[in-house]
Amino acid sequence: MTSPVLAGRRRDLTADCSSCAGLCCVLPAFAASADFAIDKPAGRACVHLTGDARCGIHADLRQRGFPGCTVFDCFGAGQRLVAVAAVERPAADPGVAAAFPVLRQLHELLWYLTEATALPLPAALRGEVAAALDRTERLAAGAPEELAAVDAAAVRADAGELLGRVSETARAGRRGRGRDRRGADLVGADLRRADLRGVSLRGAYLIGADLRGADLTATDLLGADLRAADLRGADLSAALFLTRPQVAAARGDGGTRLPAALGRPAPWPAGVPVRGSRPRPRGGRGGAAGR
């Protein structure tokens, strides 16, 4: 799941702003908050969008009060939609505006399904994954008006059920696997050096959680909220269904191990790993596996 081959398969699911038209800086709305310094209605260009559809403060987004922009990821939907629409001003086109959120969701699903194809699965389940990947790709290849008509919620629900079975299969038989914490409220939890191998943290709230030195090998992180989670020295190199937005929203350092398909966020220091990063035994204080 962390091989260069998988990273190559996901290349088209990686945002390329140079091939887009600033869609994420125009189409979504955002409100002044801890994530955004200003209000911006949907369809209006951000005040920092330049004439060449680039962000004028990209290097200083966090310092200028726009951390929300640093964790947004279209999974390559922007450049794909611009190429397909072939209109002079994509960000001002109603068809593009309607299609963009749908295509972004489809590309996120493709990210997960592509990872699932690289997991050791029985033939029948592997066939289901391949079929779902093909169906989702065919939907994503549609014209803007076709994309706008897609019931993205239904597609996500079907894929979510399949990915749940994929996760169970991939994590089955993990030695020392602790109790699953799917959807758990772990906000601010002390999980330092926790052995979370094979645990499901799907949809868990890990906002501000201390995961320094934790072992998340084969841990299902699909939809887990990692905002401000401390991942310094943690091993996520073989975590399941981890995305760039999740990583960008967390804290890490030179000792944080990530899957090969994910780049290290620019704000993360490349310093010395946290000391004492060896996973503590199951049942140790602060470890979710023993709860």
C-alpha atoms as a PDB file:
ATOM      1  CA  MET A   1       0.000   0.000   0.000  1.00  0.00           C
ATOM      2  CA  THR A   2       2.982   2.318   0.350  1.00  0.00           C
ATOM      3  CA  SER A   3       4.815   1.260  -2.792  1.00  0.00           C
ATOM      4  CA  PRO A   4       5.972   3.646  -5.537  1.00  0.00           C
ATOM      5  CA  VAL A   5       3.584   1.768  -7.847  1.00  0.00           C
ATOM      6  CA  LEU A   6       0.621   2.908  -5.758  1.00  0.00           C
ATOM      7  CA  ALA A   7       1.985   6.438  -5.683  1.00  0.00           C
ATOM      8  CA  GLY A   8       2.130   6.346  -9.482  1.00  0.00           C
ATOM      9  CA  ARG A   9      -1.467   5.163  -9.756  1.00  0.00           C
ATOM     10  CA  ARG A  10      -2.531   8.107  -7.618  1.00  0.00           C
ATOM     11  CA  ARG A  11      -0.689  10.712  -9.679  1.00  0.00           C
ATOM     12  CA  ASP A  12      -3.887  11.850 -11.396  1.00  0.00           C
ATOM     13  CA  LEU A  13      -5.511  12.168  -7.975  1.00  0.00           C
ATOM     14  CA  THR A  14      -2.990  14.779  -6.880  1.00  0.00           C
ATOM     15  CA  ALA A  15      -3.862  18.449  -7.187  1.00  0.00           C
ATOM     16  CA  ASP A  16      -1.896  20.354  -9.841  1.00  0.00           C
ATOM     17  CA  CYS A  17      -2.746  24.032  -9.366  1.00  0.00           C
ATOM     18  CA  SER A  18      -0.686  25.000 -12.422  1.00  0.00           C
ATOM     19  CA  SER A  19      -3.180  23.108 -14.602  1.00  0.00           C
ATOM     20  CA  CYS A  20      -6.271  24.415 -12.850  1.00  0.00           C
ATOM     21  CA  ALA A  21      -7.994  27.816 -12.932  1.00  0.00           C
ATOM     22  CA  GLY A  22      -8.222  28.615  -9.238  1.00  0.00           C
ATOM     23  CA  LEU A  23     -11.521  26.756  -8.820  1.00  0.00           C
ATOM     24  CA  CYS A  24     -11.008  26.190  -5.089  1.00  0.00           C
ATOM     25  CA  CYS A  25     -10.293  29.920  -4.675  1.00  0.00           C
ATOM     26  CA  VAL A  26     -13.571  30.914  -6.362  1.00  0.00           C
ATOM     27  CA  LEU A  27     -16.304  28.268  -6.090  1.00  0.00           C
ATOM     28  CA  PRO A  28     -16.488  27.342  -2.363  1.00  0.00           C
ATOM     29  CA  ALA A  29     -17.790  29.739   0.265  1.00  0.00           C
ATOM     30  CA  PHE A  30     -16.043  30.261   3.593  1.00  0.00           C
ATOM     31  CA  ALA A  31     -16.699  32.330   6.690  1.00  0.00           C
ATOM     32  CA  ALA A  32     -14.305  34.339   8.838  1.00  0.00           C
ATOM     33  CA  SER A  33     -13.096  31.943  11.513  1.00  0.00           C
ATOM     34  CA  ALA A  34      -9.983  30.278  12.874  1.00  0.00           C
ATOM     35  CA  ASP A  35      -9.595  28.704   9.423  1.00  0.00           C
ATOM     36  CA  PHE A  36     -10.200  31.770   7.242  1.00  0.00           C
ATOM     37  CA  ALA A  37      -9.392  35.415   7.914  1.00  0.00           C
ATOM     38  CA  ILE A  38     -12.287  36.746   5.828  1.00  0.00           C
ATOM     39  CA  ASP A  39     -15.791  35.950   4.607  1.00  0.00           C
ATOM     40  CA  LYS A  40     -16.114  34.835   0.987  1.00  0.00           C
ATOM     41  CA  PRO A  41     -19.386  33.905  -0.708  1.00  0.00           C
ATOM     42  CA  ALA A  42     -19.564  30.995  -3.145  1.00  0.00           C
ATOM     43  CA  GLY A  43     -18.629  31.940  -6.691  1.00  0.00           C
ATOM     44  CA  ARG A  44     -16.650  35.026  -5.765  1.00  0.00           C
ATOM     45  CA  ALA A  45     -12.870  35.014  -6.188  1.00  0.00           C
ATOM     46  CA  CYS A  46     -10.770  35.254  -3.049  1.00  0.00           C
ATOM     47  CA  VAL A  47      -9.159  38.676  -2.702  1.00  0.00           C
ATOM     48  CA  HIS A  48      -5.761  36.986  -2.814  1.00  0.00           C
ATOM     49  CA  LEU A  49      -6.335  35.222  -6.159  1.00  0.00           C
ATOM     50  CA  THR A  50      -4.020  36.719  -8.773  1.00  0.00           C
ATOM     51  CA  GLY A  51      -4.707  37.348 -12.444  1.00  0.00           C
ATOM     52  CA  ASP A  52      -2.967  34.125 -13.437  1.00  0.00           C
ATOM     53  CA  ALA A  53      -5.250  32.083 -11.144  1.00  0.00           C
ATOM     54  CA  ARG A  54      -2.602  31.621  -8.453  1.00  0.00           C
ATOM     55  CA  CYS A  55      -2.718  32.356  -4.734  1.00  0.00           C
ATOM     56  CA  GLY A  56      -0.857  35.557  -3.969  1.00  0.00           C
ATOM     57  CA  ILE A  57      -0.117  34.530  -0.369  1.00  0.00           C
ATOM     58  CA  HIS A  58       0.405  30.800  -0.863  1.00  0.00           C
ATOM     59  CA  ALA A  59       3.707  30.737   1.011  1.00  0.00           C
ATOM     60  CA  ASP A  60       2.213  32.549   4.004  1.00  0.00           C
ATOM     61  CA  LEU A  61      -1.334  31.181   4.210  1.00  0.00           C
ATOM     62  CA  ARG A  62      -1.112  30.087   7.839  1.00  0.00           C
ATOM     63  CA  GLN A  63       0.573  33.276   8.962  1.00  0.00           C
ATOM     64  CA  ARG A  64      -2.042  35.367   7.150  1.00  0.00           C
ATOM     65  CA  GLY A  65      -4.943  33.542   8.787  1.00  0.00           C
ATOM     66  CA  PHE A  66      -5.889  30.989   6.121  1.00  0.00           C
ATOM     67  CA  PRO A  67      -4.947  27.553   7.544  1.00  0.00           C
ATOM     68  CA  GLY A  68      -8.169  26.182   6.072  1.00  0.00           C
ATOM     69  CA  CYS A  69      -6.730  26.673   2.600  1.00  0.00           C
ATOM     70  CA  THR A  70      -3.636  24.630   3.436  1.00  0.00           C
ATOM     71  CA  VAL A  71      -5.681  21.537   4.295  1.00  0.00           C
ATOM     72  CA  PHE A  72      -8.098  21.683   1.360  1.00  0.00           C
ATOM     73  CA  ASP A  73      -7.378  19.175  -1.400  1.00  0.00           C
ATOM     74  CA  CYS A  74      -9.401  18.604  -4.561  1.00  0.00           C
ATOM     75  CA  PHE A  75      -7.644  15.251  -5.240  1.00  0.00           C
ATOM     76  CA  GLY A  76      -6.940  16.408  -8.800  1.00  0.00           C
ATOM     77  CA  ALA A  77     -10.578  17.231  -9.577  1.00  0.00           C
ATOM     78  CA  GLY A  78      -9.769  20.839 -10.442  1.00  0.00           C
ATOM     79  CA  GLN A  79      -7.366  20.258 -13.292  1.00  0.00           C
ATOM     80  CA  ARG A  80      -9.490  17.404 -14.670  1.00  0.00           C
ATOM     81  CA  LEU A  81     -12.632  19.527 -14.744  1.00  0.00           C
ATOM     82  CA  VAL A  82     -10.861  22.475 -16.356  1.00  0.00           C
ATOM     83  CA  ALA A  83      -9.549  20.204 -19.104  1.00  0.00           C
ATOM     84  CA  VAL A  84     -12.943  18.587 -19.716  1.00  0.00           C
ATOM     85  CA  ALA A  85     -15.005  21.784 -19.600  1.00  0.00           C
ATOM     86  CA  ALA A  86     -12.784  23.581 -22.129  1.00  0.00           C
ATOM     87  CA  VAL A  87     -14.432  26.963 -21.462  1.00  0.00           C
ATOM     88  CA  GLU A  88     -12.668  30.301 -21.379  1.00  0.00           C
ATOM     89  CA  ARG A  89     -13.479  31.079 -17.736  1.00  0.00           C
ATOM     90  CA  PRO A  90     -14.061  27.780 -15.908  1.00  0.00           C
ATOM     91  CA  ALA A  91     -14.507  29.346 -12.466  1.00  0.00           C
ATOM     92  CA  ALA A  92     -17.362  31.507 -13.790  1.00  0.00           C
ATOM     93  CA  ASP A  93     -19.157  28.683 -15.598  1.00  0.00           C
ATOM     94  CA  PRO A  94     -22.332  27.421 -13.813  1.00  0.00           C
ATOM     95  CA  GLY A  95     -21.818  23.895 -15.147  1.00  0.00           C
ATOM     96  CA  VAL A  96     -18.304  23.760 -13.702  1.00  0.00           C
ATOM     97  CA  ALA A  97     -19.552  25.157 -10.390  1.00  0.00           C
ATOM     98  CA  ALA A  98     -22.175  22.400 -10.118  1.00  0.00           C
ATOM     99  CA  ALA A  99     -19.783  19.632 -11.175  1.00  0.00           C
ATOM    100  CA  PHE A 100     -16.754  20.551  -9.038  1.00  0.00           C
ATOM    101  CA  PRO A 101     -17.961  19.323  -5.601  1.00  0.00           C
ATOM    102  CA  VAL A 102     -19.236  16.090  -7.153  1.00  0.00           C
ATOM    103  CA  LEU A 103     -15.992  15.360  -8.994  1.00  0.00           C
ATOM    104  CA  ARG A 104     -13.971  16.131  -5.882  1.00  0.00           C
ATOM    105  CA  GLN A 105     -15.940  13.504  -3.954  1.00  0.00           C
ATOM    106  CA  LEU A 106     -15.509  10.976  -6.747  1.00  0.00           C
ATOM    107  CA  HIS A 107     -11.760  11.602  -6.854  1.00  0.00           C
ATOM    108  CA  GLU A 108     -11.526  11.123  -3.094  1.00  0.00           C
ATOM    109  CA  LEU A 109     -13.287   7.774  -3.509  1.00  0.00           C
ATOM    110  CA  LEU A 110     -10.870   6.872  -6.282  1.00  0.00           C
ATOM    111  CA  TRP A 111      -8.030   7.603  -3.833  1.00  0.00           C
ATOM    112  CA  TYR A 112      -9.412   5.039  -1.388  1.00  0.00           C
ATOM    113  CA  LEU A 113     -10.383   2.455  -3.984  1.00  0.00           C
ATOM    114  CA  THR A 114      -6.983   2.686  -5.659  1.00  0.00           C
ATOM    115  CA  GLU A 115      -5.343   1.958  -2.323  1.00  0.00           C
ATOM    116  CA  ALA A 116      -7.691  -0.991  -1.821  1.00  0.00           C
ATOM    117  CA  THR A 117      -6.459  -2.572  -5.071  1.00  0.00           C
ATOM    118  CA  ALA A 118      -2.972  -2.798  -3.551  1.00  0.00           C
ATOM    119  CA  LEU A 119      -4.105  -4.614  -0.389  1.00  0.00           C
ATOM    120  CA  PRO A 120      -3.933  -8.418   0.019  1.00  0.00           C
ATOM    121  CA  LEU A 121      -7.568  -9.376  -0.508  1.00  0.00           C
ATOM    122  CA  PRO A 122      -9.365 -12.586  -1.492  1.00  0.00           C
ATOM    123  CA  ALA A 123     -10.249 -12.838  -5.176  1.00  0.00           C
ATOM    124  CA  ALA A 124     -13.978 -12.165  -4.740  1.00  0.00           C
ATOM    125  CA  LEU A 125     -13.437  -8.995  -2.717  1.00  0.00           C
ATOM    126  CA  ARG A 126     -10.672  -7.858  -5.057  1.00  0.00           C
ATOM    127  CA  GLY A 127     -13.147  -8.231  -7.926  1.00  0.00           C
ATOM    128  CA  GLU A 128     -15.688  -6.046  -6.107  1.00  0.00           C
ATOM    129  CA  VAL A 129     -13.053  -3.370  -5.557  1.00  0.00           C
ATOM    130  CA  ALA A 130     -12.033  -3.451  -9.226  1.00  0.00           C
ATOM    131  CA  ALA A 131     -15.671  -3.119 -10.296  1.00  0.00           C
ATOM    132  CA  ALA A 132     -16.274  -0.213  -7.911  1.00  0.00           C
ATOM    133  CA  LEU A 133     -13.113   1.486  -9.126  1.00  0.00           C
ATOM    134  CA  ASP A 134     -14.253   1.119 -12.733  1.00  0.00           C
ATOM    135  CA  ARG A 135     -17.749   2.463 -11.977  1.00  0.00           C
ATOM    136  CA  THR A 136     -16.393   5.449 -10.097  1.00  0.00           C
ATOM    137  CA  GLU A 137     -13.871   6.241 -12.815  1.00  0.00           C
ATOM    138  CA  ARG A 138     -16.595   6.130 -15.477  1.00  0.00           C
ATOM    139  CA  LEU A 139     -18.683   8.580 -13.448  1.00  0.00           C
ATOM    140  CA  ALA A 140     -15.673  10.855 -12.931  1.00  0.00           C
ATOM    141  CA  ALA A 141     -15.017  10.891 -16.681  1.00  0.00           C
ATOM    142  CA  GLY A 142     -18.398  12.459 -17.410  1.00  0.00           C
ATOM    143  CA  ALA A 143     -19.038  15.916 -18.819  1.00  0.00           C
ATOM    144  CA  PRO A 144     -19.883  18.701 -16.315  1.00  0.00           C
ATOM    145  CA  GLU A 145     -23.629  18.331 -16.835  1.00  0.00           C
ATOM    146  CA  GLU A 146     -23.372  14.568 -16.298  1.00  0.00           C
ATOM    147  CA  LEU A 147     -21.311  15.036 -13.146  1.00  0.00           C
ATOM    148  CA  ALA A 148     -23.818  17.499 -11.708  1.00  0.00           C
ATOM    149  CA  ALA A 149     -26.529  14.832 -11.989  1.00  0.00           C
ATOM    150  CA  VAL A 150     -24.558  12.197 -10.047  1.00  0.00           C
ATOM    151  CA  ASP A 151     -25.913  11.287  -6.597  1.00  0.00           C
ATOM    152  CA  ALA A 152     -22.558  11.574  -4.865  1.00  0.00           C
ATOM    153  CA  ALA A 153     -24.003  10.662  -1.459  1.00  0.00           C
ATOM    154  CA  ALA A 154     -25.312   7.337  -2.778  1.00  0.00           C
ATOM    155  CA  VAL A 155     -22.026   6.551  -4.512  1.00  0.00           C
ATOM    156  CA  ARG A 156     -20.122   7.320  -1.314  1.00  0.00           C
ATOM    157  CA  ALA A 157     -22.469   5.150   0.767  1.00  0.00           C
ATOM    158  CA  ASP A 158     -21.988   2.147  -1.524  1.00  0.00           C
ATOM    159  CA  ALA A 159     -18.230   2.601  -1.605  1.00  0.00           C
ATOM    160  CA  GLY A 160     -18.117   3.108   2.169  1.00  0.00           C
ATOM    161  CA  GLU A 161     -19.747  -0.252   2.806  1.00  0.00           C
ATOM    162  CA  LEU A 162     -17.283  -1.963   0.468  1.00  0.00           C
ATOM    163  CA  LEU A 163     -14.286  -0.182   1.971  1.00  0.00           C
ATOM    164  CA  GLY A 164     -15.481  -1.235   5.408  1.00  0.00           C
ATOM    165  CA  ARG A 165     -15.267  -4.877   4.365  1.00  0.00           C
ATOM    166  CA  VAL A 166     -11.880  -4.228   2.760  1.00  0.00           C
ATOM    167  CA  SER A 167     -10.650  -2.722   6.013  1.00  0.00           C
ATOM    168  CA  GLU A 168     -11.893  -5.653   8.102  1.00  0.00           C
ATOM    169  CA  THR A 169     -10.158  -8.102   5.783  1.00  0.00           C
ATOM    170  CA  ALA A 170      -6.889  -6.155   5.649  1.00  0.00           C
ATOM    171  CA  ARG A 171      -6.773  -5.828   9.440  1.00  0.00           C
ATOM    172  CA  ALA A 172      -7.935  -9.356  10.282  1.00  0.00           C
ATOM    173  CA  GLY A 173      -5.474 -11.462  12.214  1.00  0.00           C
ATOM    174  CA  ARG A 174      -3.286  -8.523  13.255  1.00  0.00           C
ATOM    175  CA  ARG A 175      -1.317  -9.729  16.245  1.00  0.00           C
ATOM    176  CA  GLY A 176      -2.248  -7.851  19.393  1.00  0.00           C
ATOM    177  CA  ARG A 177      -5.004  -5.940  17.623  1.00  0.00           C
ATOM    178  CA  GLY A 178      -6.808  -3.732  20.140  1.00  0.00           C
ATOM    179  CA  ARG A 179     -10.449  -2.737  20.414  1.00  0.00           C
ATOM    180  CA  ASP A 180     -11.825  -0.815  17.443  1.00  0.00           C
ATOM    181  CA  ARG A 181     -12.638   2.843  18.113  1.00  0.00           C
ATOM    182  CA  ARG A 182     -14.676   3.685  15.048  1.00  0.00           C
ATOM    183  CA  GLY A 183     -16.285   7.126  15.425  1.00  0.00           C
ATOM    184  CA  ALA A 184     -14.887   7.455  18.965  1.00  0.00           C
ATOM    185  CA  ASP A 185     -14.506  10.809  20.696  1.00  0.00           C
ATOM    186  CA  LEU A 186     -10.754  10.933  21.313  1.00  0.00           C
ATOM    187  CA  VAL A 187     -10.434  14.717  21.304  1.00  0.00           C
ATOM    188  CA  GLY A 188      -7.261  15.628  23.195  1.00  0.00           C
ATOM    189  CA  ALA A 189      -6.654  11.981  24.177  1.00  0.00           C
ATOM    190  CA  ASP A 190      -3.257  10.915  25.502  1.00  0.00           C
ATOM    191  CA  LEU A 191      -2.235   8.226  23.021  1.00  0.00           C
ATOM    192  CA  ARG A 192       1.512   8.635  23.303  1.00  0.00           C
ATOM    193  CA  ARG A 193       3.374   5.521  22.103  1.00  0.00           C
ATOM    194  CA  ALA A 194       0.045   3.676  21.851  1.00  0.00           C
ATOM    195  CA  ASP A 195      -0.018   0.392  19.978  1.00  0.00           C
ATOM    196  CA  LEU A 196      -2.867   1.016  17.530  1.00  0.00           C
ATOM    197  CA  ARG A 197      -1.884  -1.612  14.977  1.00  0.00           C
ATOM    198  CA  GLY A 198      -4.911  -2.965  13.138  1.00  0.00           C
ATOM    199  CA  VAL A 199      -7.374  -0.790  15.068  1.00  0.00           C
ATOM    200  CA  SER A 200     -10.239   0.969  13.299  1.00  0.00           C
ATOM    201  CA  LEU A 201     -10.232   4.711  13.967  1.00  0.00           C
ATOM    202  CA  ARG A 202     -12.552   5.321  11.021  1.00  0.00           C
ATOM    203  CA  GLY A 203     -14.407   8.577  11.560  1.00  0.00           C
ATOM    204  CA  ALA A 204     -12.864   9.029  15.032  1.00  0.00           C
ATOM    205  CA  TYR A 205     -12.426  12.511  16.483  1.00  0.00           C
ATOM    206  CA  LEU A 206      -8.711  12.846  17.190  1.00  0.00           C
ATOM    207  CA  ILE A 207      -8.622  16.635  17.305  1.00  0.00           C
ATOM    208  CA  GLY A 208      -5.614  17.683  19.378  1.00  0.00           C
ATOM    209  CA  ALA A 209      -4.866  14.078  20.370  1.00  0.00           C
ATOM    210  CA  ASP A 210      -1.314  13.273  21.460  1.00  0.00           C
ATOM    211  CA  LEU A 211      -0.144  10.450  19.175  1.00  0.00           C
ATOM    212  CA  ARG A 212       3.579  11.003  19.565  1.00  0.00           C
ATOM    213  CA  GLY A 213       5.451   7.776  18.912  1.00  0.00           C
ATOM    214  CA  ALA A 214       2.244   5.804  18.278  1.00  0.00           C
ATOM    215  CA  ASP A 215       2.259   2.807  15.945  1.00  0.00           C
ATOM    216  CA  LEU A 216      -0.592   3.096  13.404  1.00  0.00           C
ATOM    217  CA  THR A 217       0.401   0.196  11.178  1.00  0.00           C
ATOM    218  CA  ALA A 218      -2.720  -1.064   9.349  1.00  0.00           C
ATOM    219  CA  THR A 219      -4.840   1.376  11.349  1.00  0.00           C
ATOM    220  CA  ASP A 220      -7.994   2.403   9.476  1.00  0.00           C
ATOM    221  CA  LEU A 221      -8.008   6.220   9.402  1.00  0.00           C
ATOM    222  CA  LEU A 222     -10.699   6.778   6.788  1.00  0.00           C
ATOM    223  CA  GLY A 223     -12.477  10.002   7.738  1.00  0.00           C
ATOM    224  CA  ALA A 224     -10.643  10.367  11.062  1.00  0.00           C
ATOM    225  CA  ASP A 225     -10.369  14.008  12.165  1.00  0.00           C
ATOM    226  CA  LEU A 226      -6.674  14.665  12.793  1.00  0.00           C
ATOM    227  CA  ARG A 227      -6.812  18.438  13.162  1.00  0.00           C
ATOM    228  CA  ALA A 228      -3.981  19.571  15.451  1.00  0.00           C
ATOM    229  CA  ALA A 229      -3.221  15.943  16.363  1.00  0.00           C
ATOM    230  CA  ASP A 230       0.417  15.528  17.402  1.00  0.00           C
ATOM    231  CA  LEU A 231       1.973  12.909  15.112  1.00  0.00           C
ATOM    232  CA  ARG A 232       5.600  13.585  15.943  1.00  0.00           C
ATOM    233  CA  GLY A 233       7.535  10.331  15.811  1.00  0.00           C
ATOM    234  CA  ALA A 234       4.397   8.340  14.927  1.00  0.00           C
ATOM    235  CA  ASP A 235       4.493   5.548  12.359  1.00  0.00           C
ATOM    236  CA  LEU A 236       1.745   5.972   9.752  1.00  0.00           C
ATOM    237  CA  SER A 237       3.754   4.457   6.913  1.00  0.00           C
ATOM    238  CA  ALA A 238       1.311   1.560   6.544  1.00  0.00           C
ATOM    239  CA  ALA A 239      -1.861   3.238   7.818  1.00  0.00           C
ATOM    240  CA  LEU A 240      -5.025   2.576   5.824  1.00  0.00           C
ATOM    241  CA  PHE A 241      -6.902   5.237   3.851  1.00  0.00           C
ATOM    242  CA  LEU A 242      -4.874   8.234   4.982  1.00  0.00           C
ATOM    243  CA  THR A 243      -5.126  11.420   2.888  1.00  0.00           C
ATOM    244  CA  ARG A 244      -3.149  14.605   2.379  1.00  0.00           C
ATOM    245  CA  PRO A 245      -5.776  16.839   4.047  1.00  0.00           C
ATOM    246  CA  GLN A 246      -5.620  14.732   7.201  1.00  0.00           C
ATOM    247  CA  VAL A 247      -1.840  14.919   7.303  1.00  0.00           C
ATOM    248  CA  ALA A 248      -1.772  18.654   6.537  1.00  0.00           C
ATOM    249  CA  ALA A 249      -4.163  19.344   9.411  1.00  0.00           C
ATOM    250  CA  ALA A 250      -1.930  17.544  11.935  1.00  0.00           C
ATOM    251  CA  ARG A 251       1.468  18.247  13.505  1.00  0.00           C
ATOM    252  CA  GLY A 252       4.485  16.163  12.587  1.00  0.00           C
ATOM    253  CA  ASP A 253       8.268  16.182  12.480  1.00  0.00           C
ATOM    254  CA  GLY A 254      11.248  14.451  10.909  1.00  0.00           C
ATOM    255  CA  GLY A 255      10.414  11.281  12.815  1.00  0.00           C
ATOM    256  CA  THR A 256       6.862  10.984  11.504  1.00  0.00           C
ATOM    257  CA  ARG A 257       6.649   8.135   9.002  1.00  0.00           C
ATOM    258  CA  LEU A 258       4.110   8.579   6.215  1.00  0.00           C
ATOM    259  CA  PRO A 259       2.968   6.421   3.275  1.00  0.00           C
ATOM    260  CA  ALA A 260       5.061   6.891   0.140  1.00  0.00           C
ATOM    261  CA  ALA A 261       2.063   8.324  -1.718  1.00  0.00           C
ATOM    262  CA  LEU A 262       1.873  11.290   0.659  1.00  0.00           C
ATOM    263  CA  GLY A 263       4.296  14.179   0.716  1.00  0.00           C
ATOM    264  CA  ARG A 264       5.484  15.733   3.964  1.00  0.00           C
ATOM    265  CA  PRO A 265       3.657  19.016   4.677  1.00  0.00           C
ATOM    266  CA  ALA A 266       5.912  22.042   4.280  1.00  0.00           C
ATOM    267  CA  PRO A 267       5.267  23.402   7.803  1.00  0.00           C
ATOM    268  CA  TRP A 268       6.499  20.205   9.445  1.00  0.00           C
ATOM    269  CA  PRO A 269      10.041  20.547  10.801  1.00  0.00           C
ATOM    270  CA  ALA A 270      12.601  18.066   9.568  1.00  0.00           C
ATOM    271  CA  GLY A 271      14.219  17.854  12.980  1.00  0.00           C
ATOM    272  CA  VAL A 272      15.130  15.021  15.295  1.00  0.00           C
ATOM    273  CA  PRO A 273      12.405  12.424  15.978  1.00  0.00           C
ATOM    274  CA  VAL A 274      10.708  12.462  19.361  1.00  0.00           C
ATOM    275  CA  ARG A 275      12.486  10.373  21.939  1.00  0.00           C
ATOM    276  CA  GLY A 276      10.901   7.234  23.271  1.00  0.00           C
ATOM    277  CA  SER A 277       8.934   6.473  20.124  1.00  0.00           C
ATOM    278  CA  ARG A 278       8.717   2.731  20.725  1.00  0.00           C
ATOM    279  CA  PRO A 279       5.061   1.653  21.035  1.00  0.00           C
ATOM    280  CA  ARG A 280       4.040   0.935  24.607  1.00  0.00           C
ATOM    281  CA  PRO A 281       2.470  -2.462  25.389  1.00  0.00           C
ATOM    282  CA  ARG A 282      -1.258  -2.901  25.002  1.00  0.00           C
ATOM    283  CA  GLY A 283      -3.201  -1.800  28.034  1.00  0.00           C
ATOM    284  CA  GLY A 284      -0.598   0.772  29.051  1.00  0.00           C
ATOM    285  CA  ARG A 285      -1.776   4.117  30.353  1.00  0.00           C
ATOM    286  CA  GLY A 286      -2.960   6.391  27.572  1.00  0.00           C
ATOM    287  CA  GLY A 287      -3.216   3.631  24.962  1.00  0.00           C
ATOM    288  CA  ALA A 288      -6.540   3.295  23.171  1.00  0.00           C
ATOM    289  CA  ALA A 289      -5.953  -0.368  22.453  1.00  0.00           C
ATOM    290  CA  GLY A 290      -6.457  -1.334  26.051  1.00  0.00           C
ATOM    291  CA  ARG A 291      -9.635   0.656  26.635  1.00  0.00           C
END
